Amino acid sequence: MTMKWLLTTFLALLVLTALQPWLQKLGIGRLPGDLRLRIKGREVLLPFASTVLLSLLLMLIARLI
């Protein structure tokens, strides 16, 4: 069970990173718990809350199907 959760979280993080510009227009990546850091002039986004939210949504969809 733990391995499935880790895999789901990892895949959701990959999707969030790849689709970040489009998802920001929808508000994903700006939830409380998402961190934005500026390191040497570059912005780094760590979407912890968005990853958990999307993982839970994907898990619910997978269980319904």
PDB file of N, CA and C in Angstrom:
ATOM      1  N   MET A   1       0.835  -1.194   0.000  1.00  0.00           N
ATOM      2  CA  MET A   1       0.000   0.000   0.000  1.00  0.00           C
ATOM      3  C   MET A   1       0.874   1.251   0.000  1.00  0.00           C
ATOM      4  N   THR A   2       1.951   1.261   0.769  1.00  0.00           N
ATOM      5  CA  THR A   2       2.832   2.421   0.840  1.00  0.00           C
ATOM      6  C   THR A   2       3.503   2.672  -0.505  1.00  0.00           C
ATOM      7  N   MET A   3       3.871   1.624  -1.199  1.00  0.00           N
ATOM      8  CA  MET A   3       4.533   1.777  -2.494  1.00  0.00           C
ATOM      9  C   MET A   3       3.592   2.412  -3.511  1.00  0.00           C
ATOM     10  N   LYS A   4       2.323   2.041  -3.488  1.00  0.00           N
ATOM     11  CA  LYS A   4       1.339   2.636  -4.397  1.00  0.00           C
ATOM     12  C   LYS A   4       1.191   4.130  -4.119  1.00  0.00           C
ATOM     13  N   TRP A   5       1.160   4.501  -2.844  1.00  0.00           N
ATOM     14  CA  TRP A   5       1.037   5.908  -2.464  1.00  0.00           C
ATOM     15  C   TRP A   5       2.255   6.693  -2.934  1.00  0.00           C
ATOM     16  N   LEU A   6       3.439   6.142  -2.748  1.00  0.00           N
ATOM     17  CA  LEU A   6       4.654   6.828  -3.190  1.00  0.00           C
ATOM     18  C   LEU A   6       4.688   6.977  -4.709  1.00  0.00           C
ATOM     19  N   LEU A   7       4.293   5.949  -5.424  1.00  0.00           N
ATOM     20  CA  LEU A   7       4.269   6.008  -6.884  1.00  0.00           C
ATOM     21  C   LEU A   7       3.253   7.038  -7.374  1.00  0.00           C
ATOM     22  N   THR A   8       2.086   7.069  -6.761  1.00  0.00           N
ATOM     23  CA  THR A   8       1.060   8.038  -7.128  1.00  0.00           C
ATOM     24  C   THR A   8       1.535   9.462  -6.860  1.00  0.00           C
ATOM     25  N   THR A   9       2.161   9.684  -5.734  1.00  0.00           N
ATOM     26  CA  THR A   9       2.678  11.006  -5.394  1.00  0.00           C
ATOM     27  C   THR A   9       3.776  11.423  -6.365  1.00  0.00           C
ATOM     28  N   PHE A  10       4.663  10.518  -6.708  1.00  0.00           N
ATOM     29  CA  PHE A  10       5.746  10.816  -7.635  1.00  0.00           C
ATOM     30  C   PHE A  10       5.199  11.168  -9.021  1.00  0.00           C
ATOM     31  N   LEU A  11       4.250  10.394  -9.506  1.00  0.00           N
ATOM     32  CA  LEU A  11       3.663  10.673 -10.816  1.00  0.00           C
ATOM     33  C   LEU A  11       2.908  12.000 -10.822  1.00  0.00           C
ATOM     34  N   ALA A  12       2.197  12.295  -9.756  1.00  0.00           N
ATOM     35  CA  ALA A  12       1.487  13.567  -9.674  1.00  0.00           C
ATOM     36  C   ALA A  12       2.471  14.734  -9.653  1.00  0.00           C
ATOM     37  N   LEU A  13       3.594  14.579  -8.978  1.00  0.00           N
ATOM     38  CA  LEU A  13       4.617  15.620  -8.944  1.00  0.00           C
ATOM     39  C   LEU A  13       5.207  15.839 -10.333  1.00  0.00           C
ATOM     40  N   LEU A  14       5.425  14.778 -11.078  1.00  0.00           N
ATOM     41  CA  LEU A  14       5.916  14.909 -12.450  1.00  0.00           C
ATOM     42  C   LEU A  14       4.918  15.645 -13.338  1.00  0.00           C
ATOM     43  N   VAL A  15       3.648  15.303 -13.195  1.00  0.00           N
ATOM     44  CA  VAL A  15       2.615  15.958 -13.994  1.00  0.00           C
ATOM     45  C   VAL A  15       2.522  17.434 -13.636  1.00  0.00           C
ATOM     46  N   LEU A  16       2.549  17.737 -12.344  1.00  0.00           N
ATOM     47  CA  LEU A  16       2.488  19.138 -11.915  1.00  0.00           C
ATOM     48  C   LEU A  16       3.663  19.942 -12.441  1.00  0.00           C
ATOM     49  N   THR A  17       4.828  19.369 -12.419  1.00  0.00           N
ATOM     50  CA  THR A  17       6.011  20.079 -12.889  1.00  0.00           C
ATOM     51  C   THR A  17       5.941  20.320 -14.393  1.00  0.00           C
ATOM     52  N   ALA A  18       5.517  19.326 -15.143  1.00  0.00           N
ATOM     53  CA  ALA A  18       5.462  19.457 -16.596  1.00  0.00           C
ATOM     54  C   ALA A  18       4.370  20.433 -17.047  1.00  0.00           C
ATOM     55  N   LEU A  19       3.255  20.429 -16.357  1.00  0.00           N
ATOM     56  CA  LEU A  19       2.120  21.256 -16.746  1.00  0.00           C
ATOM     57  C   LEU A  19       1.974  22.521 -15.894  1.00  0.00           C
ATOM     58  N   GLN A  20       3.024  22.909 -15.206  1.00  0.00           N
ATOM     59  CA  GLN A  20       2.981  24.019 -14.269  1.00  0.00           C
ATOM     60  C   GLN A  20       2.429  25.316 -14.858  1.00  0.00           C
ATOM     61  N   PRO A  21       2.884  25.782 -16.020  1.00  0.00           N
ATOM     62  CA  PRO A  21       2.342  27.056 -16.527  1.00  0.00           C
ATOM     63  C   PRO A  21       0.825  27.007 -16.784  1.00  0.00           C
ATOM     64  N   TRP A  22       0.338  25.902 -17.336  1.00  0.00           N
ATOM     65  CA  TRP A  22      -1.085  25.780 -17.616  1.00  0.00           C
ATOM     66  C   TRP A  22      -1.895  25.628 -16.331  1.00  0.00           C
ATOM     67  N   LEU A  23      -1.381  24.843 -15.388  1.00  0.00           N
ATOM     68  CA  LEU A  23      -2.106  24.606 -14.147  1.00  0.00           C
ATOM     69  C   LEU A  23      -2.161  25.844 -13.259  1.00  0.00           C
ATOM     70  N   GLN A  24      -1.176  26.726 -13.359  1.00  0.00           N
ATOM     71  CA  GLN A  24      -1.188  27.943 -12.553  1.00  0.00           C
ATOM     72  C   GLN A  24      -2.370  28.831 -12.924  1.00  0.00           C
ATOM     73  N   LYS A  25      -2.796  28.779 -14.174  1.00  0.00           N
ATOM     74  CA  LYS A  25      -3.968  29.547 -14.589  1.00  0.00           C
ATOM     75  C   LYS A  25      -5.234  29.033 -13.904  1.00  0.00           C
ATOM     76  N   LEU A  26      -5.240  27.758 -13.529  1.00  0.00           N
ATOM     77  CA  LEU A  26      -6.382  27.154 -12.835  1.00  0.00           C
ATOM     78  C   LEU A  26      -6.290  27.282 -11.317  1.00  0.00           C
ATOM     79  N   GLY A  27      -5.160  27.767 -10.795  1.00  0.00           N
ATOM     80  CA  GLY A  27      -4.991  27.928  -9.358  1.00  0.00           C
ATOM     81  C   GLY A  27      -4.201  26.814  -8.693  1.00  0.00           C
ATOM     82  N   ILE A  28      -3.854  25.778  -9.452  1.00  0.00           N
ATOM     83  CA  ILE A  28      -3.053  24.693  -8.894  1.00  0.00           C
ATOM     84  C   ILE A  28      -1.620  25.209  -8.761  1.00  0.00           C
ATOM     85  N   GLY A  29      -1.018  24.988  -7.615  1.00  0.00           N
ATOM     86  CA  GLY A  29       0.325  25.493  -7.365  1.00  0.00           C
ATOM     87  C   GLY A  29       0.320  26.728  -6.497  1.00  0.00           C
ATOM     88  N   ARG A  30      -0.868  27.212  -6.179  1.00  0.00           N
ATOM     89  CA  ARG A  30      -0.986  28.382  -5.318  1.00  0.00           C
ATOM     90  C   ARG A  30      -1.802  28.067  -4.062  1.00  0.00           C
ATOM     91  N   LEU A  31      -1.913  26.803  -3.733  1.00  0.00           N
ATOM     92  CA  LEU A  31      -2.646  26.397  -2.542  1.00  0.00           C
ATOM     93  C   LEU A  31      -1.787  26.605  -1.296  1.00  0.00           C
ATOM     94  N   PRO A  32      -2.421  26.752  -0.121  1.00  0.00           N
ATOM     95  CA  PRO A  32      -1.629  26.794   1.110  1.00  0.00           C
ATOM     96  C   PRO A  32      -0.880  25.466   1.255  1.00  0.00           C
ATOM     97  N   GLY A  33       0.391  25.520   1.463  1.00  0.00           N
ATOM     98  CA  GLY A  33       1.206  24.303   1.539  1.00  0.00           C
ATOM     99  C   GLY A  33       2.095  24.133   0.327  1.00  0.00           C
ATOM    100  N   ASP A  34       1.866  24.914  -0.715  1.00  0.00           N
ATOM    101  CA  ASP A  34       2.746  24.918  -1.887  1.00  0.00           C
ATOM    102  C   ASP A  34       3.827  25.974  -1.645  1.00  0.00           C
ATOM    103  N   LEU A  35       5.056  25.593  -1.825  1.00  0.00           N
ATOM    104  CA  LEU A  35       6.169  26.504  -1.554  1.00  0.00           C
ATOM    105  C   LEU A  35       6.748  27.057  -2.850  1.00  0.00           C
ATOM    106  N   ARG A  36       7.037  28.348  -2.829  1.00  0.00           N
ATOM    107  CA  ARG A  36       7.725  29.010  -3.940  1.00  0.00           C
ATOM    108  C   ARG A  36       8.996  29.615  -3.365  1.00  0.00           C
ATOM    109  N   LEU A  37      10.114  29.246  -3.942  1.00  0.00           N
ATOM    110  CA  LEU A  37      11.405  29.745  -3.476  1.00  0.00           C
ATOM    111  C   LEU A  37      12.134  30.432  -4.614  1.00  0.00           C
ATOM    112  N   ARG A  38      12.838  31.484  -4.298  1.00  0.00           N
ATOM    113  CA  ARG A  38      13.716  32.131  -5.278  1.00  0.00           C
ATOM    114  C   ARG A  38      15.151  31.813  -4.883  1.00  0.00           C
ATOM    115  N   ILE A  39      15.826  31.094  -5.755  1.00  0.00           N
ATOM    116  CA  ILE A  39      17.215  30.706  -5.513  1.00  0.00           C
ATOM    117  C   ILE A  39      18.037  31.221  -6.673  1.00  0.00           C
ATOM    118  N   LYS A  40      18.913  32.165  -6.387  1.00  0.00           N
ATOM    119  CA  LYS A  40      19.791  32.773  -7.390  1.00  0.00           C
ATOM    120  C   LYS A  40      19.008  33.305  -8.589  1.00  0.00           C
ATOM    121  N   GLY A  41      17.893  33.983  -8.317  1.00  0.00           N
ATOM    122  CA  GLY A  41      17.106  34.586  -9.364  1.00  0.00           C
ATOM    123  C   GLY A  41      16.167  33.644 -10.098  1.00  0.00           C
ATOM    124  N   ARG A  42      16.155  32.397  -9.726  1.00  0.00           N
ATOM    125  CA  ARG A  42      15.284  31.416 -10.381  1.00  0.00           C
ATOM    126  C   ARG A  42      14.202  30.981  -9.401  1.00  0.00           C
ATOM    127  N   GLU A  43      12.971  30.906  -9.878  1.00  0.00           N
ATOM    128  CA  GLU A  43      11.868  30.509  -9.021  1.00  0.00           C
ATOM    129  C   GLU A  43      11.696  28.997  -9.043  1.00  0.00           C
ATOM    130  N   VAL A  44      11.626  28.404  -7.855  1.00  0.00           N
ATOM    131  CA  VAL A  44      11.444  26.962  -7.712  1.00  0.00           C
ATOM    132  C   VAL A  44      10.108  26.740  -7.011  1.00  0.00           C
ATOM    133  N   LEU A  45       9.271  25.898  -7.600  1.00  0.00           N
ATOM    134  CA  LEU A  45       7.961  25.600  -7.042  1.00  0.00           C
ATOM    135  C   LEU A  45       7.969  24.185  -6.475  1.00  0.00           C
ATOM    136  N   LEU A  46       7.562  24.063  -5.227  1.00  0.00           N
ATOM    137  CA  LEU A  46       7.412  22.760  -4.579  1.00  0.00           C
ATOM    138  C   LEU A  46       5.935  22.599  -4.210  1.00  0.00           C
ATOM    139  N   PRO A  47       5.150  21.980  -5.088  1.00  0.00           N
ATOM    140  CA  PRO A  47       3.689  21.935  -4.910  1.00  0.00           C
ATOM    141  C   PRO A  47       3.229  20.782  -4.023  1.00  0.00           C
ATOM    142  N   PHE A  48       3.532  20.847  -2.729  1.00  0.00           N
ATOM    143  CA  PHE A  48       3.182  19.751  -1.832  1.00  0.00           C
ATOM    144  C   PHE A  48       1.670  19.580  -1.703  1.00  0.00           C
ATOM    145  N   ALA A  49       0.955  20.645  -1.409  1.00  0.00           N
ATOM    146  CA  ALA A  49      -0.501  20.548  -1.218  1.00  0.00           C
ATOM    147  C   ALA A  49      -1.203  20.175  -2.521  1.00  0.00           C
ATOM    148  N   SER A  50      -0.766  20.745  -3.630  1.00  0.00           N
ATOM    149  CA  SER A  50      -1.381  20.420  -4.922  1.00  0.00           C
ATOM    150  C   SER A  50      -1.136  18.961  -5.285  1.00  0.00           C
ATOM    151  N   THR A  51       0.036  18.447  -4.976  1.00  0.00           N
ATOM    152  CA  THR A  51       0.349  17.053  -5.262  1.00  0.00           C
ATOM    153  C   THR A  51      -0.557  16.117  -4.471  1.00  0.00           C
ATOM    154  N   VAL A  52      -0.751  16.419  -3.208  1.00  0.00           N
ATOM    155  CA  VAL A  52      -1.625  15.586  -2.375  1.00  0.00           C
ATOM    156  C   VAL A  52      -3.054  15.664  -2.885  1.00  0.00           C
ATOM    157  N   LEU A  53      -3.517  16.861  -3.222  1.00  0.00           N
ATOM    158  CA  LEU A  53      -4.880  17.029  -3.723  1.00  0.00           C
ATOM    159  C   LEU A  53      -5.097  16.253  -5.020  1.00  0.00           C
ATOM    160  N   LEU A  54      -4.192  16.391  -5.969  1.00  0.00           N
ATOM    161  CA  LEU A  54      -4.331  15.677  -7.230  1.00  0.00           C
ATOM    162  C   LEU A  54      -4.183  14.169  -7.053  1.00  0.00           C
ATOM    163  N   SER A  55      -3.335  13.745  -6.141  1.00  0.00           N
ATOM    164  CA  SER A  55      -3.189  12.313  -5.877  1.00  0.00           C
ATOM    165  C   SER A  55      -4.482  11.726  -5.333  1.00  0.00           C
ATOM    166  N   LEU A  56      -5.112  12.451  -4.426  1.00  0.00           N
ATOM    167  CA  LEU A  56      -6.379  11.975  -3.870  1.00  0.00           C
ATOM    168  C   LEU A  56      -7.468  11.936  -4.937  1.00  0.00           C
ATOM    169  N   LEU A  57      -7.515  12.944  -5.787  1.00  0.00           N
ATOM    170  CA  LEU A  57      -8.507  12.946  -6.869  1.00  0.00           C
ATOM    171  C   LEU A  57      -8.279  11.788  -7.831  1.00  0.00           C
ATOM    172  N   LEU A  58      -7.041  11.538  -8.200  1.00  0.00           N
ATOM    173  CA  LEU A  58      -6.736  10.435  -9.105  1.00  0.00           C
ATOM    174  C   LEU A  58      -7.060   9.086  -8.464  1.00  0.00           C
ATOM    175  N   MET A  59      -6.797   8.971  -7.170  1.00  0.00           N
ATOM    176  CA  MET A  59      -7.103   7.733  -6.456  1.00  0.00           C
ATOM    177  C   MET A  59      -8.607   7.498  -6.420  1.00  0.00           C
ATOM    178  N   LEU A  60      -9.391   8.547  -6.167  1.00  0.00           N
ATOM    179  CA  LEU A  60     -10.842   8.406  -6.164  1.00  0.00           C
ATOM    180  C   LEU A  60     -11.379   8.033  -7.540  1.00  0.00           C
ATOM    181  N   ILE A  61     -10.838   8.639  -8.569  1.00  0.00           N
ATOM    182  CA  ILE A  61     -11.260   8.308  -9.937  1.00  0.00           C
ATOM    183  C   ILE A  61     -10.913   6.864 -10.267  1.00  0.00           C
ATOM    184  N   ALA A  62      -9.723   6.420  -9.865  1.00  0.00           N
ATOM    185  CA  ALA A  62      -9.301   5.048 -10.141  1.00  0.00           C
ATOM    186  C   ALA A  62     -10.195   4.042  -9.410  1.00  0.00           C
ATOM    187  N   ARG A  63     -10.615   4.370  -8.207  1.00  0.00           N
ATOM    188  CA  ARG A  63     -11.494   3.447  -7.466  1.00  0.00           C
ATOM    189  C   ARG A  63     -12.894   3.381  -8.052  1.00  0.00           C
ATOM    190  N   LEU A  64     -13.348   4.471  -8.640  1.00  0.00           N
ATOM    191  CA  LEU A  64     -14.682   4.487  -9.231  1.00  0.00           C
ATOM    192  C   LEU A  64     -14.723   3.732 -10.550  1.00  0.00           C
ATOM    193  N   ILE A  65     -13.595   3.697 -11.222  1.00  0.00           N
ATOM    194  CA  ILE A  65     -13.543   3.018 -12.541  1.00  0.00           C
ATOM    195  C   ILE A  65     -13.284   1.577 -12.350  1.00  0.00           C
TER     196      ILE A  65
END
